[in-house]
Amino acid sequence: MFTQFRYLYCDLRSWKCCGFRDSFYTFFEGGVWATIIYRINRSFFLIDIPIIKIPIRLFCFILFKLSEVLFGISLPPAVDIGPGLHIGHTGLIVINYQVKAGKNLSIGNGIIIGAAGLGKIGAPVVGNNVFIGSGAKILGKISVGNNSRIGANAVVISNVPEGATVVGVPAKVVKIQNLSDM
């Protein structure tokens, strides 16, 4: 439960505020508030005491829906995201409850990470240090490797190798970083 508050500290540090002015404007960012609500919600969601589990899950659902309405970000408490989450802008962000993501995930607005539909099951697994550009869609039971970049409006329906940059519809690898340089 308390791990989520350490993660929240890392999430807030990802905004890299240099002074009071930056901190002031960051305080009013919808992405920051959506992240705070998600971390609080996730910490309650992880409580697994049988007697109080049902009312806690109900509270989590209400908090999730409130965040969804206020910020346009559907980030259920069941989603497992590591520390360093950065939501650059709010507006139509939908993440499936089965998604697992590593640390330092940076996402733009208009993204969907979820199931492929048509009766297919499973959701993406996103690695560490991944950037997902605005409007990108990551669909199906696929994996996105560590240190990858998903271009704006890309539709990813197959695995993304580690260190790759993918763009297009459907997404194709355009560059693979030399990971020894990182």
N, C-alpha and C. Protein backbone atom coordinates (compact mmCIF):
# COMPACT_ATOMS: atom_id res chain seq x y z
N MET A 1 0.82 -1.19 0.00
CA MET A 1 0.00 0.00 0.00
C MET A 1 0.87 1.26 0.00
N PHE A 2 1.86 1.32 0.88
CA PHE A 2 2.67 2.52 0.98
C PHE A 2 3.66 2.66 -0.17
N THR A 3 3.88 1.59 -0.90
CA THR A 3 4.73 1.65 -2.09
C THR A 3 4.18 2.66 -3.08
N GLN A 4 2.87 2.75 -3.20
CA GLN A 4 2.25 3.67 -4.15
C GLN A 4 2.59 5.13 -3.82
N PHE A 5 2.80 5.45 -2.56
CA PHE A 5 3.16 6.82 -2.20
C PHE A 5 4.61 7.12 -2.57
N ARG A 6 5.48 6.11 -2.50
CA ARG A 6 6.84 6.29 -3.00
C ARG A 6 6.81 6.47 -4.51
N TYR A 7 5.95 5.69 -5.17
CA TYR A 7 5.79 5.83 -6.62
C TYR A 7 5.27 7.22 -6.98
N LEU A 8 4.34 7.74 -6.19
CA LEU A 8 3.80 9.07 -6.43
C LEU A 8 4.90 10.12 -6.35
N TYR A 9 5.80 9.97 -5.39
CA TYR A 9 6.93 10.89 -5.28
C TYR A 9 7.76 10.87 -6.57
N CYS A 10 8.02 9.68 -7.11
CA CYS A 10 8.76 9.56 -8.38
C CYS A 10 7.96 10.15 -9.53
N ASP A 11 6.64 9.96 -9.52
CA ASP A 11 5.78 10.53 -10.56
C ASP A 11 5.89 12.05 -10.57
N LEU A 12 5.81 12.65 -9.40
CA LEU A 12 5.86 14.11 -9.31
C LEU A 12 7.24 14.64 -9.69
N ARG A 13 8.28 13.89 -9.39
CA ARG A 13 9.64 14.30 -9.78
C ARG A 13 9.82 14.29 -11.29
N SER A 14 9.02 13.48 -12.01
CA SER A 14 9.15 13.41 -13.47
C SER A 14 8.74 14.72 -14.14
N TRP A 15 8.09 15.62 -13.41
CA TRP A 15 7.70 16.91 -13.97
C TRP A 15 8.86 17.90 -13.99
N LYS A 16 9.93 17.62 -13.28
CA LYS A 16 11.15 18.42 -13.30
C LYS A 16 10.91 19.93 -13.13
N CYS A 17 10.30 20.28 -12.02
CA CYS A 17 10.05 21.68 -11.71
C CYS A 17 11.33 22.35 -11.24
N CYS A 18 11.68 23.48 -11.84
CA CYS A 18 12.94 24.16 -11.51
C CYS A 18 12.78 25.25 -10.46
N GLY A 19 11.59 25.70 -10.24
CA GLY A 19 11.40 26.77 -9.27
C GLY A 19 9.96 26.87 -8.85
N PHE A 20 9.67 27.96 -8.12
CA PHE A 20 8.32 28.16 -7.62
C PHE A 20 7.32 28.30 -8.75
N ARG A 21 7.68 29.06 -9.79
CA ARG A 21 6.75 29.29 -10.91
C ARG A 21 6.38 27.97 -11.59
N ASP A 22 7.37 27.13 -11.88
CA ASP A 22 7.09 25.83 -12.50
C ASP A 22 6.23 24.97 -11.59
N SER A 23 6.54 24.97 -10.31
CA SER A 23 5.76 24.18 -9.35
C SER A 23 4.32 24.66 -9.28
N PHE A 24 4.14 25.98 -9.34
CA PHE A 24 2.81 26.57 -9.28
C PHE A 24 1.97 26.11 -10.47
N TYR A 25 2.52 26.19 -11.67
CA TYR A 25 1.77 25.79 -12.86
C TYR A 25 1.57 24.27 -12.92
N THR A 26 2.54 23.53 -12.44
CA THR A 26 2.42 22.07 -12.42
C THR A 26 1.29 21.65 -11.49
N PHE A 27 1.11 22.37 -10.40
CA PHE A 27 0.05 22.06 -9.44
C PHE A 27 -1.32 22.06 -10.11
N PHE A 28 -1.51 22.85 -11.15
CA PHE A 28 -2.80 22.96 -11.82
C PHE A 28 -2.92 22.08 -13.06
N GLU A 29 -1.95 21.24 -13.34
CA GLU A 29 -2.01 20.32 -14.48
C GLU A 29 -2.96 19.17 -14.17
N GLY A 30 -3.86 18.88 -15.10
CA GLY A 30 -4.80 17.78 -14.92
C GLY A 30 -4.10 16.44 -14.84
N GLY A 31 -3.01 16.28 -15.59
CA GLY A 31 -2.26 15.03 -15.57
C GLY A 31 -1.67 14.73 -14.20
N VAL A 32 -1.24 15.78 -13.51
CA VAL A 32 -0.69 15.61 -12.17
C VAL A 32 -1.80 15.13 -11.22
N TRP A 33 -2.96 15.77 -11.29
CA TRP A 33 -4.06 15.38 -10.41
C TRP A 33 -4.59 14.00 -10.73
N ALA A 34 -4.64 13.65 -12.02
CA ALA A 34 -5.08 12.30 -12.39
C ALA A 34 -4.11 11.26 -11.85
N THR A 35 -2.81 11.58 -11.87
CA THR A 35 -1.80 10.66 -11.34
C THR A 35 -1.93 10.53 -9.83
N ILE A 36 -2.15 11.63 -9.15
CA ILE A 36 -2.32 11.60 -7.69
C ILE A 36 -3.54 10.75 -7.33
N ILE A 37 -4.65 10.97 -8.02
CA ILE A 37 -5.86 10.20 -7.73
C ILE A 37 -5.63 8.73 -8.03
N TYR A 38 -4.92 8.42 -9.14
CA TYR A 38 -4.64 7.02 -9.47
C TYR A 38 -3.82 6.36 -8.37
N ARG A 39 -2.76 7.02 -7.89
CA ARG A 39 -1.90 6.42 -6.87
C ARG A 39 -2.65 6.21 -5.55
N ILE A 40 -3.45 7.17 -5.15
CA ILE A 40 -4.24 7.00 -3.92
C ILE A 40 -5.23 5.85 -4.11
N ASN A 41 -5.89 5.86 -5.25
CA ASN A 41 -6.86 4.82 -5.56
C ASN A 41 -6.20 3.44 -5.59
N ARG A 42 -5.03 3.36 -6.21
CA ARG A 42 -4.31 2.08 -6.30
C ARG A 42 -3.91 1.58 -4.91
N SER A 43 -3.49 2.51 -4.04
CA SER A 43 -3.08 2.08 -2.69
C SER A 43 -4.26 1.49 -1.93
N PHE A 44 -5.44 2.07 -2.07
CA PHE A 44 -6.63 1.49 -1.43
C PHE A 44 -7.02 0.17 -2.09
N PHE A 45 -6.91 0.11 -3.41
CA PHE A 45 -7.28 -1.09 -4.17
C PHE A 45 -6.46 -2.30 -3.74
N LEU A 46 -5.21 -2.09 -3.34
CA LEU A 46 -4.32 -3.19 -2.97
C LEU A 46 -4.60 -3.74 -1.57
N ILE A 47 -5.46 -3.08 -0.81
CA ILE A 47 -5.84 -3.60 0.51
C ILE A 47 -6.70 -4.83 0.29
N ASP A 48 -6.30 -5.94 0.88
CA ASP A 48 -6.97 -7.21 0.62
C ASP A 48 -7.48 -7.85 1.92
N ILE A 49 -8.15 -7.08 2.72
CA ILE A 49 -8.75 -7.59 3.96
C ILE A 49 -10.20 -7.94 3.64
N PRO A 50 -10.57 -9.21 3.78
CA PRO A 50 -11.88 -9.67 3.31
C PRO A 50 -13.09 -8.85 3.78
N ILE A 51 -13.13 -8.44 5.01
CA ILE A 51 -14.31 -7.76 5.55
C ILE A 51 -14.48 -6.36 4.95
N ILE A 52 -13.40 -5.64 4.76
CA ILE A 52 -13.52 -4.27 4.27
C ILE A 52 -13.19 -4.13 2.78
N LYS A 53 -12.92 -5.23 2.12
CA LYS A 53 -12.53 -5.20 0.71
C LYS A 53 -13.64 -4.63 -0.18
N ILE A 54 -14.88 -5.03 0.04
CA ILE A 54 -15.99 -4.59 -0.82
C ILE A 54 -16.23 -3.08 -0.69
N PRO A 55 -16.34 -2.52 0.51
CA PRO A 55 -16.53 -1.06 0.57
C PRO A 55 -15.34 -0.28 0.03
N ILE A 56 -14.14 -0.82 0.20
CA ILE A 56 -12.96 -0.13 -0.33
C ILE A 56 -13.00 -0.15 -1.85
N ARG A 57 -13.35 -1.28 -2.45
CA ARG A 57 -13.44 -1.36 -3.92
C ARG A 57 -14.52 -0.43 -4.45
N LEU A 58 -15.62 -0.29 -3.72
CA LEU A 58 -16.67 0.64 -4.13
C LEU A 58 -16.15 2.07 -4.09
N PHE A 59 -15.43 2.42 -3.03
CA PHE A 59 -14.82 3.75 -2.93
C PHE A 59 -13.85 3.97 -4.09
N CYS A 60 -13.04 2.96 -4.41
CA CYS A 60 -12.08 3.05 -5.52
C CYS A 60 -12.80 3.29 -6.84
N PHE A 61 -13.91 2.59 -7.05
CA PHE A 61 -14.67 2.75 -8.28
C PHE A 61 -15.20 4.17 -8.41
N ILE A 62 -15.73 4.72 -7.32
CA ILE A 62 -16.27 6.09 -7.34
C ILE A 62 -15.16 7.09 -7.62
N LEU A 63 -14.01 6.93 -6.97
CA LEU A 63 -12.86 7.81 -7.19
C LEU A 63 -12.36 7.71 -8.62
N PHE A 64 -12.33 6.49 -9.16
CA PHE A 64 -11.92 6.26 -10.55
C PHE A 64 -12.85 6.99 -11.51
N LYS A 65 -14.16 6.87 -11.30
CA LYS A 65 -15.14 7.52 -12.17
C LYS A 65 -15.06 9.04 -12.06
N LEU A 66 -14.79 9.55 -10.87
CA LEU A 66 -14.63 10.98 -10.67
C LEU A 66 -13.44 11.50 -11.49
N SER A 67 -12.33 10.80 -11.42
CA SER A 67 -11.15 11.17 -12.19
C SER A 67 -11.42 11.09 -13.69
N GLU A 68 -12.16 10.07 -14.09
CA GLU A 68 -12.49 9.88 -15.50
C GLU A 68 -13.33 11.05 -16.02
N VAL A 69 -14.29 11.50 -15.25
CA VAL A 69 -15.16 12.60 -15.66
C VAL A 69 -14.41 13.93 -15.63
N LEU A 70 -13.64 14.18 -14.58
CA LEU A 70 -12.95 15.46 -14.45
C LEU A 70 -11.81 15.65 -15.45
N PHE A 71 -11.05 14.60 -15.72
CA PHE A 71 -9.83 14.75 -16.51
C PHE A 71 -9.85 14.04 -17.86
N GLY A 72 -10.85 13.20 -18.11
CA GLY A 72 -10.89 12.46 -19.36
C GLY A 72 -9.84 11.37 -19.42
N ILE A 73 -9.45 10.87 -18.26
CA ILE A 73 -8.43 9.82 -18.18
C ILE A 73 -9.03 8.61 -17.50
N SER A 74 -9.11 7.50 -18.23
CA SER A 74 -9.62 6.26 -17.68
C SER A 74 -8.44 5.41 -17.23
N LEU A 75 -8.09 5.55 -15.97
CA LEU A 75 -6.93 4.87 -15.39
C LEU A 75 -7.40 4.08 -14.18
N PRO A 76 -7.90 2.85 -14.41
CA PRO A 76 -8.46 2.06 -13.30
C PRO A 76 -7.41 1.72 -12.24
N PRO A 77 -7.83 1.53 -11.00
CA PRO A 77 -6.87 1.20 -9.94
C PRO A 77 -6.24 -0.18 -10.11
N ALA A 78 -6.81 -1.04 -10.93
CA ALA A 78 -6.24 -2.37 -11.15
C ALA A 78 -5.01 -2.33 -12.06
N VAL A 79 -4.82 -1.25 -12.81
CA VAL A 79 -3.67 -1.12 -13.69
C VAL A 79 -2.41 -1.07 -12.84
N ASP A 80 -1.40 -1.84 -13.23
CA ASP A 80 -0.13 -1.90 -12.49
C ASP A 80 0.91 -1.09 -13.25
N ILE A 81 1.21 0.12 -12.76
CA ILE A 81 2.18 1.00 -13.39
C ILE A 81 3.27 1.31 -12.38
N GLY A 82 4.52 1.20 -12.81
CA GLY A 82 5.66 1.47 -11.93
C GLY A 82 5.83 2.95 -11.65
N PRO A 83 6.86 3.30 -10.90
CA PRO A 83 7.08 4.71 -10.54
C PRO A 83 7.50 5.53 -11.76
N GLY A 84 7.29 6.84 -11.67
CA GLY A 84 7.72 7.75 -12.72
C GLY A 84 6.69 7.96 -13.82
N LEU A 85 5.41 7.71 -13.55
CA LEU A 85 4.36 7.93 -14.53
C LEU A 85 4.25 9.41 -14.83
N HIS A 86 4.24 9.75 -16.13
CA HIS A 86 4.12 11.15 -16.54
C HIS A 86 3.01 11.25 -17.58
N ILE A 87 1.93 11.93 -17.23
CA ILE A 87 0.82 12.17 -18.14
C ILE A 87 0.92 13.63 -18.56
N GLY A 88 1.40 13.85 -19.78
CA GLY A 88 1.69 15.21 -20.24
C GLY A 88 0.46 16.08 -20.38
N HIS A 89 -0.61 15.56 -20.93
CA HIS A 89 -1.83 16.33 -21.13
C HIS A 89 -3.03 15.44 -20.88
N THR A 90 -4.11 16.04 -20.44
CA THR A 90 -5.31 15.26 -20.19
C THR A 90 -6.16 15.21 -21.45
N GLY A 91 -7.10 14.31 -21.47
CA GLY A 91 -8.04 14.20 -22.57
C GLY A 91 -7.95 12.86 -23.27
N LEU A 92 -9.01 12.09 -23.19
CA LEU A 92 -9.16 10.79 -23.82
C LEU A 92 -7.92 9.91 -23.68
N ILE A 93 -7.64 9.51 -22.48
CA ILE A 93 -6.62 8.51 -22.22
C ILE A 93 -7.35 7.32 -21.63
N VAL A 94 -7.26 6.18 -22.32
CA VAL A 94 -7.95 4.97 -21.88
C VAL A 94 -6.92 3.86 -21.73
N ILE A 95 -6.83 3.30 -20.54
CA ILE A 95 -5.90 2.22 -20.27
C ILE A 95 -6.69 1.05 -19.69
N ASN A 96 -6.57 -0.11 -20.31
CA ASN A 96 -7.27 -1.32 -19.89
C ASN A 96 -6.80 -1.73 -18.50
N TYR A 97 -7.70 -2.29 -17.72
CA TYR A 97 -7.39 -2.67 -16.34
C TYR A 97 -6.36 -3.79 -16.24
N GLN A 98 -6.09 -4.53 -17.34
CA GLN A 98 -5.12 -5.63 -17.32
C GLN A 98 -3.71 -5.20 -17.71
N VAL A 99 -3.53 -3.97 -18.09
CA VAL A 99 -2.22 -3.49 -18.55
C VAL A 99 -1.22 -3.50 -17.40
N LYS A 100 0.00 -3.89 -17.74
CA LYS A 100 1.13 -3.81 -16.80
C LYS A 100 2.19 -2.94 -17.47
N ALA A 101 2.68 -1.96 -16.72
CA ALA A 101 3.68 -1.04 -17.28
C ALA A 101 4.80 -0.86 -16.28
N GLY A 102 6.00 -0.67 -16.79
CA GLY A 102 7.18 -0.50 -15.96
C GLY A 102 7.34 0.94 -15.50
N LYS A 103 8.55 1.24 -15.06
CA LYS A 103 8.81 2.57 -14.53
C LYS A 103 9.05 3.57 -15.66
N ASN A 104 8.86 4.84 -15.33
CA ASN A 104 9.10 5.97 -16.23
C ASN A 104 8.29 5.89 -17.52
N LEU A 105 7.01 5.63 -17.40
CA LEU A 105 6.10 5.63 -18.54
C LEU A 105 5.64 7.06 -18.78
N SER A 106 5.81 7.54 -20.00
CA SER A 106 5.39 8.89 -20.36
C SER A 106 4.37 8.79 -21.48
N ILE A 107 3.18 9.34 -21.25
CA ILE A 107 2.12 9.23 -22.25
C ILE A 107 1.54 10.59 -22.59
N GLY A 108 1.16 10.73 -23.85
CA GLY A 108 0.50 11.94 -24.32
C GLY A 108 -1.00 11.77 -24.25
N ASN A 109 -1.71 12.74 -24.81
CA ASN A 109 -3.17 12.66 -24.78
C ASN A 109 -3.69 11.85 -25.97
N GLY A 110 -4.92 11.40 -25.86
CA GLY A 110 -5.56 10.67 -26.94
C GLY A 110 -5.06 9.26 -27.14
N ILE A 111 -4.47 8.65 -26.14
CA ILE A 111 -3.93 7.29 -26.30
C ILE A 111 -4.90 6.25 -25.78
N ILE A 112 -4.79 5.07 -26.37
CA ILE A 112 -5.55 3.91 -25.90
C ILE A 112 -4.58 2.75 -25.77
N ILE A 113 -4.55 2.14 -24.61
CA ILE A 113 -3.75 0.94 -24.38
C ILE A 113 -4.73 -0.11 -23.89
N GLY A 114 -5.00 -1.12 -24.72
CA GLY A 114 -6.01 -2.07 -24.31
C GLY A 114 -6.10 -3.31 -25.15
N ALA A 115 -7.19 -4.02 -24.97
CA ALA A 115 -7.45 -5.28 -25.67
C ALA A 115 -7.70 -5.01 -27.15
N ALA A 116 -7.48 -6.05 -27.98
CA ALA A 116 -7.65 -5.91 -29.42
C ALA A 116 -9.11 -5.96 -29.84
N GLY A 117 -9.98 -6.49 -29.00
CA GLY A 117 -11.38 -6.61 -29.35
C GLY A 117 -11.64 -7.88 -30.14
N LEU A 118 -12.82 -8.00 -30.71
CA LEU A 118 -13.21 -9.16 -31.50
C LEU A 118 -13.05 -10.47 -30.74
N GLY A 119 -13.28 -10.43 -29.44
CA GLY A 119 -13.21 -11.63 -28.64
C GLY A 119 -11.81 -12.05 -28.21
N LYS A 120 -10.80 -11.30 -28.63
CA LYS A 120 -9.42 -11.61 -28.24
C LYS A 120 -9.21 -11.14 -26.81
N ILE A 121 -8.45 -11.91 -26.05
CA ILE A 121 -8.21 -11.55 -24.66
C ILE A 121 -6.76 -11.11 -24.48
N GLY A 122 -6.52 -10.42 -23.41
CA GLY A 122 -5.17 -9.98 -23.07
C GLY A 122 -4.95 -8.51 -23.37
N ALA A 123 -4.02 -7.93 -22.65
CA ALA A 123 -3.68 -6.52 -22.79
C ALA A 123 -2.17 -6.37 -22.88
N PRO A 124 -1.69 -5.24 -23.36
CA PRO A 124 -0.25 -5.04 -23.52
C PRO A 124 0.53 -5.03 -22.20
N VAL A 125 1.78 -5.40 -22.32
CA VAL A 125 2.75 -5.26 -21.24
C VAL A 125 3.77 -4.25 -21.74
N VAL A 126 3.91 -3.15 -21.02
CA VAL A 126 4.77 -2.05 -21.44
C VAL A 126 6.00 -2.04 -20.54
N GLY A 127 7.18 -1.96 -21.16
CA GLY A 127 8.44 -2.00 -20.42
C GLY A 127 8.77 -0.69 -19.72
N ASN A 128 10.02 -0.58 -19.28
CA ASN A 128 10.52 0.60 -18.58
C ASN A 128 10.94 1.67 -19.58
N ASN A 129 10.85 2.94 -19.17
CA ASN A 129 11.34 4.08 -19.94
C ASN A 129 10.71 4.15 -21.33
N VAL A 130 9.40 4.00 -21.41
CA VAL A 130 8.68 4.01 -22.68
C VAL A 130 7.96 5.35 -22.84
N PHE A 131 8.05 5.92 -24.04
CA PHE A 131 7.32 7.13 -24.39
C PHE A 131 6.24 6.76 -25.40
N ILE A 132 5.01 7.19 -25.15
CA ILE A 132 3.89 6.93 -26.05
C ILE A 132 3.34 8.27 -26.49
N GLY A 133 3.47 8.56 -27.78
CA GLY A 133 3.05 9.85 -28.33
C GLY A 133 1.55 10.01 -28.38
N SER A 134 1.12 11.24 -28.59
CA SER A 134 -0.30 11.58 -28.64
C SER A 134 -1.02 10.80 -29.72
N GLY A 135 -2.19 10.31 -29.37
CA GLY A 135 -3.05 9.62 -30.32
C GLY A 135 -2.66 8.18 -30.62
N ALA A 136 -1.63 7.66 -29.99
CA ALA A 136 -1.18 6.29 -30.27
C ALA A 136 -2.16 5.27 -29.68
N LYS A 137 -2.24 4.15 -30.34
CA LYS A 137 -3.08 3.04 -29.87
C LYS A 137 -2.19 1.80 -29.76
N ILE A 138 -2.22 1.14 -28.63
CA ILE A 138 -1.47 -0.10 -28.42
C ILE A 138 -2.50 -1.15 -28.05
N LEU A 139 -2.68 -2.11 -28.96
CA LEU A 139 -3.81 -3.02 -28.83
C LEU A 139 -3.40 -4.47 -28.84
N GLY A 140 -3.99 -5.27 -27.96
CA GLY A 140 -3.80 -6.71 -27.95
C GLY A 140 -2.79 -7.17 -26.93
N LYS A 141 -2.63 -8.47 -26.89
CA LYS A 141 -1.69 -9.09 -25.94
C LYS A 141 -0.30 -9.05 -26.56
N ILE A 142 0.34 -7.90 -26.44
CA ILE A 142 1.66 -7.68 -27.02
C ILE A 142 2.57 -7.11 -25.95
N SER A 143 3.85 -7.01 -26.28
CA SER A 143 4.80 -6.39 -25.35
C SER A 143 5.52 -5.25 -26.05
N VAL A 144 5.75 -4.22 -25.28
CA VAL A 144 6.51 -3.07 -25.74
C VAL A 144 7.79 -3.07 -24.94
N GLY A 145 8.92 -3.21 -25.63
CA GLY A 145 10.21 -3.36 -24.95
C GLY A 145 10.66 -2.11 -24.22
N ASN A 146 11.62 -2.29 -23.35
CA ASN A 146 12.21 -1.18 -22.60
C ASN A 146 12.81 -0.14 -23.55
N ASN A 147 12.81 1.11 -23.12
CA ASN A 147 13.42 2.22 -23.85
C ASN A 147 12.86 2.41 -25.25
N SER A 148 11.60 2.08 -25.44
CA SER A 148 10.96 2.22 -26.76
C SER A 148 10.22 3.55 -26.86
N ARG A 149 10.00 3.95 -28.11
CA ARG A 149 9.26 5.17 -28.40
C ARG A 149 8.15 4.81 -29.39
N ILE A 150 6.93 5.20 -29.05
CA ILE A 150 5.78 4.99 -29.94
C ILE A 150 5.41 6.36 -30.48
N GLY A 151 5.45 6.52 -31.80
CA GLY A 151 5.16 7.80 -32.43
C GLY A 151 3.71 8.20 -32.31
N ALA A 152 3.46 9.49 -32.54
CA ALA A 152 2.10 10.02 -32.47
C ALA A 152 1.22 9.33 -33.51
N ASN A 153 0.02 8.98 -33.10
CA ASN A 153 -1.00 8.35 -33.95
C ASN A 153 -0.62 6.98 -34.48
N ALA A 154 0.41 6.35 -33.95
CA ALA A 154 0.78 5.00 -34.36
C ALA A 154 -0.24 4.00 -33.82
N VAL A 155 -0.47 2.93 -34.57
CA VAL A 155 -1.34 1.85 -34.12
C VAL A 155 -0.47 0.61 -33.98
N VAL A 156 -0.17 0.23 -32.76
CA VAL A 156 0.74 -0.87 -32.48
C VAL A 156 -0.09 -2.13 -32.22
N ILE A 157 0.09 -3.14 -33.09
CA ILE A 157 -0.65 -4.40 -32.95
C ILE A 157 0.28 -5.61 -32.91
N SER A 158 1.59 -5.35 -32.88
CA SER A 158 2.56 -6.43 -32.75
C SER A 158 3.65 -6.00 -31.78
N ASN A 159 4.46 -6.95 -31.32
CA ASN A 159 5.49 -6.67 -30.32
C ASN A 159 6.47 -5.61 -30.81
N VAL A 160 6.92 -4.78 -29.87
CA VAL A 160 7.90 -3.74 -30.16
C VAL A 160 9.20 -4.15 -29.48
N PRO A 161 10.30 -4.27 -30.25
CA PRO A 161 11.56 -4.67 -29.63
C PRO A 161 12.13 -3.59 -28.71
N GLU A 162 13.03 -4.00 -27.87
CA GLU A 162 13.67 -3.09 -26.93
C GLU A 162 14.45 -2.01 -27.68
N GLY A 163 14.27 -0.75 -27.26
CA GLY A 163 15.01 0.36 -27.85
C GLY A 163 14.50 0.81 -29.20
N ALA A 164 13.34 0.35 -29.62
CA ALA A 164 12.84 0.67 -30.96
C ALA A 164 11.98 1.93 -30.96
N THR A 165 11.96 2.59 -32.10
CA THR A 165 11.03 3.67 -32.36
C THR A 165 10.09 3.19 -33.44
N VAL A 166 8.79 3.23 -33.16
CA VAL A 166 7.81 2.75 -34.14
C VAL A 166 6.84 3.87 -34.49
N VAL A 167 6.46 3.92 -35.77
CA VAL A 167 5.51 4.92 -36.26
C VAL A 167 4.62 4.28 -37.32
N GLY A 168 3.49 4.91 -37.57
CA GLY A 168 2.63 4.50 -38.67
C GLY A 168 1.43 3.66 -38.26
N VAL A 169 0.63 3.33 -39.31
CA VAL A 169 -0.56 2.51 -39.14
C VAL A 169 -0.51 1.40 -40.18
N PRO A 170 -0.32 0.16 -39.81
CA PRO A 170 0.11 -0.32 -38.49
C PRO A 170 1.57 0.08 -38.23
N ALA A 171 1.95 0.15 -36.99
CA ALA A 171 3.27 0.64 -36.60
C ALA A 171 4.39 -0.25 -37.13
N LYS A 172 5.41 0.39 -37.64
CA LYS A 172 6.60 -0.29 -38.14
C LYS A 172 7.82 0.31 -37.45
N VAL A 173 8.84 -0.52 -37.24
CA VAL A 173 10.07 -0.06 -36.61
C VAL A 173 10.83 0.80 -37.62
N VAL A 174 11.18 2.03 -37.22
CA VAL A 174 11.97 2.92 -38.07
C VAL A 174 13.38 3.11 -37.55
N LYS A 175 13.58 2.78 -36.29
CA LYS A 175 14.91 2.99 -35.69
C LYS A 175 15.04 2.09 -34.47
N ILE A 176 16.21 1.53 -34.28
CA ILE A 176 16.51 0.81 -33.04
C ILE A 176 17.76 1.44 -32.44
N GLN A 177 17.62 1.91 -31.20
CA GLN A 177 18.74 2.57 -30.52
C GLN A 177 19.76 1.54 -30.12
N ASN A 178 21.01 1.97 -30.14
CA ASN A 178 22.09 1.13 -29.63
C ASN A 178 22.02 1.25 -28.11
N LEU A 179 21.57 0.21 -27.44
CA LEU A 179 21.34 0.27 -25.99
C LEU A 179 22.62 0.39 -25.19
N SER A 180 23.77 0.12 -25.77
CA SER A 180 25.02 0.27 -25.04
C SER A 180 25.38 1.74 -24.88
N ASP A 181 24.77 2.63 -25.69
CA ASP A 181 25.02 4.07 -25.58
C ASP A 181 24.20 4.71 -24.48
N MET A 182 23.22 4.00 -23.93
CA MET A 182 22.33 4.59 -22.94
C MET A 182 22.94 4.58 -21.57
